[in-house]
Every structure is written in structure tokens, then in C-alpha cells.
Amino acid sequence: LLPADGILLQSNDLKIDESSLTGESDLISKNVDSDPVLLSGTYAMEGSGRMLVTAVGVNSQTGIIMTLLGSGKNVDVDGDSSSKSNCFS
């Protein structure tokens, strides 16, 4: 499990499972030249690599998504202040 977001500096046949973020079940090949972005919450399934950490916790892409999902606001739907529904933006 990758605990932080980062930029790939070096890799050796690195394949990542990004299904927790994208829903895509295929492993994604990562290399320095074409796809160097690694995201927290994904899994290194094959190979090895080194990365420069760019964000952790609530500052990571996963943290930002979770923060946005948790920030539901009560929105007045029909102008009647007594009827409110949760809306995510």
C-alpha cells in the first residue's frame, strides 16, 4: 500500500493496482518517462521503485477526495427553509 502521493524517480517493472481510485481492475505499468505519478491508497503489485513524496494525509489526492465526500452541506432545494436535503458539491 502506498502511504503517500509522489513522483516516481526510479522503477523496475513497476505495476500498480489503482482500482481503489479508478475502478479499473488492470494493473497499471508505471515508469519515469510516461507515467510517473503514484497515488496514496494504491498498491504496488509487481516490481520496485523509488518515489519523491509530494503529499500525505489530507493533502494527498485520496485525502482531498475523502474531505470533499465528507463535506456534504444542507442545501435549500425548493425555497422552503424547513425542507433541506444533503447535497455534495
Foldseek 3Di string as FASTA:
>chain_A
DAQAKWFWDAWDQWWKQPCVPVVDRDTHGDDNPPHGIDFHPIDGDDTDTDTDGDGGALRTPVNVVVVQVPPWDWDDDPPDPVDTDTDGD
